[in-house]
């Protein structure tokens, strides 16, 4: 398991009965997590005085209750700053476990010794975009949600990266890749964080199990002749890390060689010193 354990402004205080007890800077949040299937272990005193609690509805969705938090506030990871904004379906606008991937590819970019052009697909609020830009890469940031792209730009400004070489695009990721193939554009690294299910700006349907192999195959066509890395993330239980690694093997590694690995992402629990699983990743990197 790859564990994101370098945070200062985020802490997973405790986990039990399908919920996380988290500290985001000074605020304590309780959010549901289907991976936390163990019960009767909620012993941290902060369970009783959380600043905000997300409660699911029997009709679907849910809402934040007992909210003593501002509309948004800022957390830092090393030199990066992010605006948190609790929103529907329990999200805060940031996935802290992804920091372990940020560290991994930031080191590759810094050690490359050459300009690196990164394509970030399903780029959300820009965590990976900012980490890559901060490490010295130029980035093309693509997401189908106009609101998420706006939040990514705000995060860039907070991190002092408003003038970094980042190009923001609101588009369906598959259609964008297809156009890049026709245009002959190439990238040294690709990051993709596809949702389990979603719709593009024109109603395009995305279902990860049916679509991810095709998208990786297409994206492999816009890699440069000397690519640096390719990262796929998944939060879908039906798509394992090993399956994603296999897809990278028969597409990217088959042509470029290099090194493959995959595994679960995890967050350490302060109360128990254990780690909870938070999705999975598959990585390819050049061995040059």
Protein backbone atom coordinates (compact mmCIF):
# COMPACT_ATOMS: atom_id res chain seq x y z
CA UNK A 1 0.00 0.00 0.00
CA UNK A 2 1.19 3.50 -0.89
CA UNK A 3 0.50 5.67 2.16
CA UNK A 4 0.06 9.45 2.07
CA UNK A 5 1.74 10.21 5.39
CA UNK A 6 3.41 13.58 4.74
CA UNK A 7 0.40 15.78 5.49
CA UNK A 8 0.44 18.48 8.18
CA UNK A 9 -2.93 20.15 7.47
CA UNK A 10 -4.85 16.89 7.06
CA UNK A 11 -5.20 14.06 9.57
CA UNK A 12 -7.41 10.97 9.67
CA UNK A 13 -8.04 10.93 13.40
CA UNK A 14 -10.20 7.83 13.68
CA UNK A 15 -12.33 5.46 11.59
CA UNK A 16 -15.25 3.24 12.58
CA UNK A 17 -18.81 2.23 11.71
CA UNK A 18 -18.61 3.39 8.10
CA UNK A 19 -17.30 6.88 8.90
CA UNK A 20 -14.09 8.88 8.92
CA UNK A 21 -13.20 11.41 11.61
CA UNK A 22 -10.92 13.91 9.86
CA UNK A 23 -9.04 17.11 10.66
CA UNK A 24 -8.76 19.55 7.79
CA UNK A 25 -6.51 22.26 9.26
CA UNK A 26 -8.50 23.48 12.31
CA UNK A 27 -11.85 21.93 11.40
CA UNK A 28 -13.08 18.44 12.30
CA UNK A 29 -15.33 16.65 9.78
CA UNK A 30 -17.19 13.34 9.86
CA UNK A 31 -17.80 11.74 6.48
CA UNK A 32 -19.08 8.32 5.35
CA UNK A 33 -16.63 5.80 3.88
CA UNK A 34 -17.86 2.41 2.59
CA UNK A 35 -14.42 0.84 3.11
CA UNK A 36 -14.69 1.26 6.88
CA UNK A 37 -16.72 -1.87 7.64
CA UNK A 38 -15.42 -2.44 11.18
CA UNK A 39 -17.61 -1.37 14.09
CA UNK A 40 -17.40 -0.25 17.70
CA UNK A 41 -13.96 1.37 17.44
CA UNK A 42 -14.96 5.06 17.58
CA UNK A 43 -12.99 6.09 20.66
CA UNK A 44 -11.52 9.48 19.75
CA UNK A 45 -13.07 12.28 21.80
CA UNK A 46 -13.49 14.50 18.72
CA UNK A 47 -16.38 12.32 17.48
CA UNK A 48 -18.57 14.21 19.93
CA UNK A 49 -17.71 17.75 18.83
CA UNK A 50 -17.09 17.65 15.08
CA UNK A 51 -17.53 20.94 13.22
CA UNK A 52 -19.48 19.32 10.36
CA UNK A 53 -21.10 15.95 9.70
CA UNK A 54 -22.21 14.55 6.36
CA UNK A 55 -25.36 12.44 6.61
CA UNK A 56 -26.65 10.26 3.81
CA UNK A 57 -30.32 10.39 2.87
CA UNK A 58 -32.45 7.26 2.45
CA UNK A 59 -33.66 8.84 -0.80
CA UNK A 60 -30.12 9.14 -2.15
CA UNK A 61 -27.41 11.75 -1.76
CA UNK A 62 -27.14 13.54 1.55
CA UNK A 63 -26.23 16.81 3.20
CA UNK A 64 -23.86 18.46 5.64
CA UNK A 65 -25.36 18.92 9.10
CA UNK A 66 -24.11 20.42 12.36
CA UNK A 67 -22.00 22.72 10.26
CA UNK A 68 -19.72 25.16 12.09
CA UNK A 69 -17.35 25.68 9.19
CA UNK A 70 -16.87 28.53 6.70
CA UNK A 71 -18.05 28.21 3.12
CA UNK A 72 -14.45 27.46 2.17
CA UNK A 73 -11.01 27.53 3.73
CA UNK A 74 -7.42 26.71 2.75
CA UNK A 75 -5.15 23.76 3.52
CA UNK A 76 -1.53 23.31 2.50
CA UNK A 77 0.59 20.40 1.30
CA UNK A 78 4.23 21.44 1.17
CA UNK A 79 4.20 24.54 -1.07
CA UNK A 80 0.74 23.83 -2.51
CA UNK A 81 -2.44 25.42 -1.21
CA UNK A 82 -5.99 24.22 -1.80
CA UNK A 83 -9.38 25.77 -1.19
CA UNK A 84 -11.68 23.29 0.53
CA UNK A 85 -15.37 23.62 -0.15
CA UNK A 86 -17.65 20.93 1.32
CA UNK A 87 -20.05 19.98 -1.44
CA UNK A 88 -22.67 17.39 -2.31
CA UNK A 89 -21.95 13.68 -2.05
CA UNK A 90 -19.57 14.16 0.90
CA UNK A 91 -16.66 15.68 -1.07
CA UNK A 92 -14.41 18.52 0.07
CA UNK A 93 -12.73 19.20 -3.27
CA UNK A 94 -9.54 17.29 -2.44
CA UNK A 95 -8.50 13.64 -2.13
CA UNK A 96 -5.63 13.65 0.42
CA UNK A 97 -4.48 10.10 -0.40
CA UNK A 98 -3.40 11.34 -3.84
CA UNK A 99 -0.51 13.21 -2.24
CA UNK A 100 1.55 10.01 -2.37
CA UNK A 101 1.19 10.06 -6.17
CA UNK A 102 2.01 13.78 -6.29
CA UNK A 103 5.27 13.05 -4.49
CA UNK A 104 6.07 10.17 -6.85
CA UNK A 105 5.67 11.99 -10.14
CA UNK A 106 7.03 15.31 -8.83
CA UNK A 107 10.32 13.55 -8.13
CA UNK A 108 10.35 12.06 -11.64
CA UNK A 109 9.72 15.48 -13.21
CA UNK A 110 12.45 17.16 -11.15
CA UNK A 111 15.00 14.47 -12.00
CA UNK A 112 14.14 14.31 -15.71
CA UNK A 113 16.61 17.03 -16.64
CA UNK A 114 14.44 18.20 -19.53
CA UNK A 115 11.13 19.99 -20.14
CA UNK A 116 8.18 17.73 -19.35
CA UNK A 117 4.70 18.22 -20.82
CA UNK A 118 1.92 16.60 -18.76
CA UNK A 119 -1.68 15.83 -19.72
CA UNK A 120 -4.03 15.57 -16.74
CA UNK A 121 -7.37 13.97 -17.68
CA UNK A 122 -10.42 14.11 -15.37
CA UNK A 123 -8.32 16.69 -13.57
CA UNK A 124 -10.97 17.76 -11.01
CA UNK A 125 -9.79 20.66 -8.79
CA UNK A 126 -6.17 20.41 -9.88
CA UNK A 127 -4.24 18.63 -7.14
CA UNK A 128 -2.11 16.67 -9.62
CA UNK A 129 -1.95 19.64 -12.00
CA UNK A 130 -0.47 21.90 -9.35
CA UNK A 131 1.94 19.25 -8.10
CA UNK A 132 3.26 18.72 -11.64
CA UNK A 133 3.48 22.46 -12.37
CA UNK A 134 5.24 23.10 -9.07
CA UNK A 135 7.80 20.45 -9.99
CA UNK A 136 8.54 22.33 -13.23
CA UNK A 137 6.27 20.71 -15.83
CA UNK A 138 3.89 22.39 -18.27
CA UNK A 139 0.39 20.95 -17.88
CA UNK A 140 -2.78 20.61 -19.92
CA UNK A 141 -5.66 20.27 -17.44
CA UNK A 142 -8.85 18.71 -18.84
CA UNK A 143 -12.16 18.19 -17.05
CA UNK A 144 -15.78 18.11 -18.23
CA UNK A 145 -16.98 20.26 -15.30
CA UNK A 146 -16.68 24.01 -15.74
CA UNK A 147 -17.07 24.48 -11.99
CA UNK A 148 -14.21 22.11 -11.16
CA UNK A 149 -11.92 23.82 -13.65
CA UNK A 150 -12.77 27.18 -12.05
CA UNK A 151 -11.86 25.71 -8.65
CA UNK A 152 -8.58 24.43 -10.08
CA UNK A 153 -7.71 27.94 -11.27
CA UNK A 154 -8.48 29.28 -7.80
CA UNK A 155 -6.20 26.65 -6.25
CA UNK A 156 -3.44 27.62 -8.66
CA UNK A 157 -3.73 31.26 -7.60
CA UNK A 158 -3.61 30.30 -3.92
CA UNK A 159 -0.45 28.28 -4.59
CA UNK A 160 1.22 31.16 -6.43
CA UNK A 161 0.97 29.22 -9.71
CA UNK A 162 -1.48 31.49 -11.53
CA UNK A 163 1.22 32.26 -14.12
CA UNK A 164 2.53 28.71 -14.38
CA UNK A 165 2.36 27.04 -17.84
CA UNK A 166 -1.05 25.43 -17.26
CA UNK A 167 -3.70 25.27 -19.97
CA UNK A 168 -7.24 24.70 -18.62
CA UNK A 169 -9.78 22.98 -20.88
CA UNK A 170 -13.44 22.13 -20.24
CA UNK A 171 -14.11 19.13 -22.44
CA UNK A 172 -14.97 15.45 -22.62
CA UNK A 173 -11.66 13.69 -22.01
CA UNK A 174 -12.02 11.01 -24.68
CA UNK A 175 -13.00 13.53 -27.36
CA UNK A 176 -10.09 15.76 -26.36
CA UNK A 177 -7.62 12.88 -26.71
CA UNK A 178 -9.06 11.96 -30.11
CA UNK A 179 -8.56 15.54 -31.30
CA UNK A 180 -4.99 15.58 -29.95
CA UNK A 181 -4.27 12.45 -32.01
CA UNK A 182 -5.52 14.19 -35.16
CA UNK A 183 -3.60 17.36 -34.33
CA UNK A 184 -0.38 15.43 -33.72
CA UNK A 185 0.16 16.83 -30.21
CA UNK A 186 2.33 14.76 -27.87
CA UNK A 187 2.89 14.54 -24.10
CA UNK A 188 5.74 13.23 -21.98
CA UNK A 189 3.42 12.14 -19.15
CA UNK A 190 -0.26 11.35 -18.69
CA UNK A 191 -2.34 11.33 -15.51
CA UNK A 192 -5.93 10.12 -15.50
CA UNK A 193 -8.31 9.97 -12.55
CA UNK A 194 -11.54 8.76 -14.20
CA UNK A 195 -14.83 8.61 -12.30
CA UNK A 196 -16.79 5.39 -11.96
CA UNK A 197 -19.63 6.92 -13.94
CA UNK A 198 -20.22 10.30 -15.47
CA UNK A 199 -21.46 12.41 -18.35
CA UNK A 200 -19.57 14.80 -20.58
CA UNK A 201 -20.65 18.35 -21.51
CA UNK A 202 -22.82 17.03 -24.37
CA UNK A 203 -24.28 14.09 -22.46
CA UNK A 204 -21.53 11.59 -23.27
CA UNK A 205 -21.76 8.59 -20.92
CA UNK A 206 -18.64 7.33 -19.17
CA UNK A 207 -18.53 4.00 -17.32
CA UNK A 208 -15.03 3.15 -16.21
CA UNK A 209 -15.11 -0.64 -16.60
CA UNK A 210 -16.34 -0.32 -20.19
CA UNK A 211 -14.25 2.67 -21.22
CA UNK A 212 -10.88 2.79 -19.47
CA UNK A 213 -9.05 0.33 -21.77
CA UNK A 214 -10.12 2.24 -24.87
CA UNK A 215 -9.09 5.57 -23.34
CA UNK A 216 -5.67 4.30 -22.27
CA UNK A 217 -5.15 2.87 -25.76
CA UNK A 218 -6.02 6.23 -27.30
CA UNK A 219 -3.92 8.18 -24.79
CA UNK A 220 -0.90 5.97 -25.43
CA UNK A 221 -0.94 7.28 -29.01
CA UNK A 222 -0.20 10.83 -27.86
CA UNK A 223 2.79 9.93 -25.72
CA UNK A 224 6.06 11.42 -26.90
CA UNK A 225 8.89 9.25 -28.24
CA UNK A 226 10.57 9.50 -24.84
CA UNK A 227 7.74 9.43 -22.28
CA UNK A 228 8.36 9.76 -18.56
CA UNK A 229 5.33 8.29 -16.79
CA UNK A 230 1.68 7.25 -17.03
CA UNK A 231 -0.59 7.17 -13.96
CA UNK A 232 -4.14 5.78 -13.67
CA UNK A 233 -6.25 6.15 -10.52
CA UNK A 234 -9.47 4.31 -9.67
CA UNK A 235 -12.02 4.53 -6.88
CA UNK A 236 -14.18 1.80 -8.38
CA UNK A 237 -14.18 -1.50 -6.48
CA UNK A 238 -14.82 -3.41 -9.72
CA UNK A 239 -11.57 -2.12 -11.28
CA UNK A 240 -8.54 -3.48 -9.46
CA UNK A 241 -5.03 -2.07 -9.38
CA UNK A 242 -3.77 -5.24 -11.08
CA UNK A 243 -6.25 -4.82 -13.95
CA UNK A 244 -5.10 -1.24 -14.52
CA UNK A 245 -1.47 -2.37 -14.45
CA UNK A 246 -2.24 -5.02 -17.05
CA UNK A 247 -3.84 -2.41 -19.32
CA UNK A 248 -0.74 -0.22 -19.03
CA UNK A 249 1.39 -3.27 -19.76
CA UNK A 250 -0.31 -4.15 -23.05
CA UNK A 251 -0.49 -0.53 -24.22
CA UNK A 252 2.32 1.68 -22.87
CA UNK A 253 4.94 -0.81 -21.66
CA UNK A 254 4.60 -2.97 -24.78
CA UNK A 255 5.90 -0.06 -26.86
CA UNK A 256 8.14 1.84 -24.46
CA UNK A 257 9.44 -0.80 -22.05
CA UNK A 258 9.93 0.74 -18.62
CA UNK A 259 8.69 -0.27 -15.18
CA UNK A 260 5.15 -1.11 -14.01
CA UNK A 261 3.67 -1.20 -10.52
CA UNK A 262 0.25 -1.00 -8.90
CA UNK A 263 -1.28 -0.94 -5.45
CA UNK A 264 -3.81 0.50 -3.06
CA UNK A 265 -3.62 4.08 -1.81
CA UNK A 266 -3.93 4.53 1.93
CA UNK A 267 -4.27 7.08 4.72
CA UNK A 268 -2.84 6.45 8.20
CA UNK A 269 -5.31 6.52 11.10
CA UNK A 270 -3.85 8.44 14.04
CA UNK A 271 -5.92 6.66 16.67
CA UNK A 272 -5.02 3.10 15.65
CA UNK A 273 -1.80 3.47 13.60
CA UNK A 274 -3.51 1.43 10.86
CA UNK A 275 -4.14 2.56 7.27
CA UNK A 276 -7.47 2.60 5.51
CA UNK A 277 -7.65 1.83 1.76
CA UNK A 278 -8.63 4.79 -0.41
CA UNK A 279 -8.71 3.63 -4.00
CA UNK A 280 -5.94 2.25 -6.17
CA UNK A 281 -3.35 3.33 -8.72
CA UNK A 282 -1.31 1.81 -11.51
CA UNK A 283 1.94 3.44 -12.57
CA UNK A 284 4.24 3.16 -15.55
CA UNK A 285 7.58 4.96 -15.66
CA UNK A 286 10.49 5.05 -18.03
CA UNK A 287 13.64 3.22 -16.96
CA UNK A 288 15.89 5.53 -18.94
